N, C-alpha and C. Protein backbone atom coordinates (compact mmCIF):
# COMPACT_ATOMS: atom_id res chain seq x y z
N MET A 1 -32.98 -20.69 -0.56
CA MET A 1 -32.95 -19.62 -1.38
C MET A 1 -31.97 -18.33 -0.74
N SER A 2 -32.30 -17.56 0.03
CA SER A 2 -32.21 -16.60 0.73
C SER A 2 -31.12 -16.70 1.76
N GLY A 3 -30.47 -17.91 2.05
CA GLY A 3 -29.32 -18.30 2.52
C GLY A 3 -28.29 -18.45 1.60
N THR A 4 -28.61 -18.50 0.50
CA THR A 4 -27.61 -18.40 -0.67
C THR A 4 -27.50 -16.83 -1.27
N ILE A 5 -28.39 -16.02 -1.47
CA ILE A 5 -28.19 -15.24 -2.06
C ILE A 5 -27.47 -14.03 -0.66
N GLY A 6 -27.40 -14.37 0.37
CA GLY A 6 -26.74 -14.09 1.83
C GLY A 6 -25.51 -14.43 1.53
N ALA A 7 -24.81 -15.85 1.83
CA ALA A 7 -24.05 -16.34 1.17
C ALA A 7 -22.45 -15.33 -0.15
N ALA A 8 -23.37 -15.48 -0.94
CA ALA A 8 -23.44 -14.37 -2.51
C ALA A 8 -22.84 -13.32 -2.13
N PHE A 9 -23.81 -12.26 -1.37
CA PHE A 9 -23.70 -11.21 -0.70
C PHE A 9 -21.91 -10.87 -0.16
N THR A 10 -21.98 -12.06 1.24
CA THR A 10 -21.02 -11.63 2.01
C THR A 10 -19.65 -12.44 1.32
N VAL A 11 -19.73 -13.13 0.69
CA VAL A 11 -18.47 -13.07 -0.67
C VAL A 11 -17.68 -11.91 -1.40
N LEU A 12 -18.93 -11.44 -2.05
CA LEU A 12 -19.21 -10.54 -2.65
C LEU A 12 -18.54 -9.38 -1.92
N VAL A 13 -18.98 -8.74 -0.67
CA VAL A 13 -18.24 -7.51 0.33
C VAL A 13 -17.05 -7.89 1.03
N VAL A 14 -16.79 -9.23 0.83
CA VAL A 14 -15.27 -9.36 1.60
C VAL A 14 -13.89 -9.46 0.28
N VAL A 15 -14.72 -9.34 -1.10
CA VAL A 15 -13.63 -9.51 -2.17
C VAL A 15 -13.70 -8.30 -2.52
N ALA A 16 -14.51 -7.34 -2.13
CA ALA A 16 -14.59 -5.92 -2.44
C ALA A 16 -13.89 -5.50 -1.15
N PHE A 17 -13.81 -5.83 0.07
CA PHE A 17 -13.12 -5.19 1.41
C PHE A 17 -11.56 -5.64 0.82
N ALA A 18 -10.85 -6.91 0.39
CA ALA A 18 -9.98 -7.24 -0.46
C ALA A 18 -9.60 -6.21 -0.99
N ALA A 19 -9.80 -6.56 -2.00
CA ALA A 19 -9.29 -5.43 -3.36
C ALA A 19 -9.90 -3.77 -2.97
N ILE A 20 -9.63 -3.32 -2.14
CA ILE A 20 -9.66 -1.73 -1.17
C ILE A 20 -8.52 -1.77 -0.15
N VAL A 21 -8.29 -2.76 0.54
CA VAL A 21 -7.27 -2.98 0.86
C VAL A 21 -5.39 -3.54 0.63
N TRP A 22 -6.11 -3.91 -0.74
CA TRP A 22 -4.61 -4.47 -2.00
C TRP A 22 -5.03 -3.05 -2.10
N ALA A 23 -5.68 -2.21 -2.80
CA ALA A 23 -4.73 -1.02 -3.33
C ALA A 23 -4.75 0.28 -1.87
N ALA A 24 -4.59 0.03 -0.87
CA ALA A 24 -4.24 0.98 -0.08
C ALA A 24 -2.90 0.49 0.49
N TYR A 25 -2.22 -0.89 0.29
CA TYR A 25 -1.16 -1.15 0.45
C TYR A 25 -0.46 -1.24 -0.27
N SER A 26 -0.38 -1.34 -1.51
CA SER A 26 0.09 -1.84 -2.80
C SER A 26 1.30 -0.65 -3.24
N PRO A 27 2.46 -1.60 -3.28
CA PRO A 27 3.95 -0.86 -3.26
C PRO A 27 3.49 0.32 -4.94
N ARG A 28 2.67 -0.40 -5.83
CA ARG A 28 2.29 0.75 -7.30
C ARG A 28 1.92 1.71 -7.04
N PHE A 29 1.18 1.92 -5.83
CA PHE A 29 0.24 3.12 -5.76
C PHE A 29 1.16 4.18 -4.14
N LYS A 30 2.12 3.68 -3.62
CA LYS A 30 2.55 4.35 -2.91
C LYS A 30 2.87 6.02 -2.96
N LYS A 31 3.58 6.07 -4.40
CA LYS A 31 3.89 7.60 -4.48
C LYS A 31 2.64 8.45 -4.68
N LYS A 32 1.76 7.78 -4.77
CA LYS A 32 0.24 8.15 -5.02
C LYS A 32 -0.16 8.32 -3.35
N HIS A 33 -0.02 8.26 -2.86
CA HIS A 33 -0.68 7.69 -1.15
C HIS A 33 0.18 8.94 -0.62
N GLU A 34 1.38 9.22 -0.57
CA GLU A 34 1.89 10.13 -0.26
C GLU A 34 1.60 11.54 -0.90
N GLN A 35 1.74 11.59 -1.91
CA GLN A 35 1.21 12.87 -2.73
C GLN A 35 0.32 13.51 -1.63
N ASP A 36 -1.18 12.58 -2.04
CA ASP A 36 -1.92 12.40 -1.58
C ASP A 36 -2.51 13.16 -0.28
N GLY A 37 -1.31 12.54 0.62
CA GLY A 37 -0.95 12.41 2.48
C GLY A 37 -0.60 14.00 2.66
N MET A 38 0.10 14.53 1.65
CA MET A 38 0.61 15.76 2.15
C MET A 38 -0.35 16.39 1.75
N ILE A 39 -1.29 16.37 1.09
CA ILE A 39 -2.18 17.68 0.48
C ILE A 39 -2.62 18.65 1.74
N PRO A 40 -2.86 18.03 3.09
CA PRO A 40 -3.32 19.16 4.19
C PRO A 40 -2.31 20.81 4.57
N PHE A 41 -0.63 19.63 4.13
CA PHE A 41 0.35 20.37 4.19
C PHE A 41 0.58 21.63 3.48
N LEU A 42 0.29 21.35 2.17
CA LEU A 42 0.93 22.19 0.81
C LEU A 42 0.57 23.58 0.99
N ASP A 43 1.39 24.10 0.40
CA ASP A 43 0.66 25.75 0.41
C ASP A 43 0.87 25.56 -1.13
N SER A 44 -0.44 26.76 -1.95
CA SER A 44 -0.27 26.28 -2.60
C SER A 44 0.24 26.88 -4.11
N SER A 45 1.40 28.18 -3.81
CA SER A 45 2.22 27.40 -4.88
C SER A 45 3.96 26.89 -4.92
N THR A 46 3.59 25.39 -3.90
CA THR A 46 4.66 24.46 -4.20
C THR A 46 4.35 23.02 -4.20
N PRO A 47 4.80 22.56 -4.87
CA PRO A 47 4.46 20.86 -4.72
C PRO A 47 5.11 19.84 -3.69
N PRO A 48 4.13 19.20 -3.53
CA PRO A 48 5.27 18.35 -2.45
C PRO A 48 6.54 17.23 -2.27
N ASP A 49 7.42 18.19 -1.91
CA ASP A 49 8.66 16.26 -1.50
C ASP A 49 8.34 15.42 -1.36
N VAL A 50 8.23 13.99 -1.94
CA VAL A 50 7.80 12.81 -1.72
C VAL A 50 8.80 11.68 -2.94
N SER A 51 10.10 12.51 -2.56
CA SER A 51 11.23 11.53 -2.95
C SER A 51 11.84 10.89 -2.30
N GLY A 52 11.26 10.64 -0.89
CA GLY A 52 11.74 9.67 -0.17
C GLY A 52 13.59 9.93 0.67
N ASP A 53 13.92 10.73 0.27
CA ASP A 53 15.23 11.53 0.71
C ASP A 53 14.99 12.47 1.81
N ASP A 54 13.59 12.30 2.61
CA ASP A 54 13.78 13.38 4.08
C ASP A 54 14.27 12.85 4.91
N LYS A 55 15.83 13.27 5.19
CA LYS A 55 16.69 12.99 6.35
C LYS A 55 16.02 13.61 8.12
N THR A 56 14.52 13.92 7.71
CA THR A 56 14.65 14.40 9.54
C THR A 56 13.60 13.16 10.02
N ARG A 57 13.41 11.84 9.00
CA ARG A 57 12.19 11.40 9.36
C ARG A 57 13.53 10.30 10.70
N ILE A 58 12.51 9.63 11.27
CA ILE A 58 13.59 8.99 12.81
C ILE A 58 13.23 7.42 11.76
């Protein structure tokens, strides 16, 4: 019985991990992640520029 519970828990953890990875790399959330990534560099009075037209990127 405990082997079945362990297997079910393992499957649950793998599914949760896959959901987190999907959310992190999903194109749907790209703009939000880019905005959140700019938080440390923000001046409190200016919004981040995440237009994707940044000419300084290599």
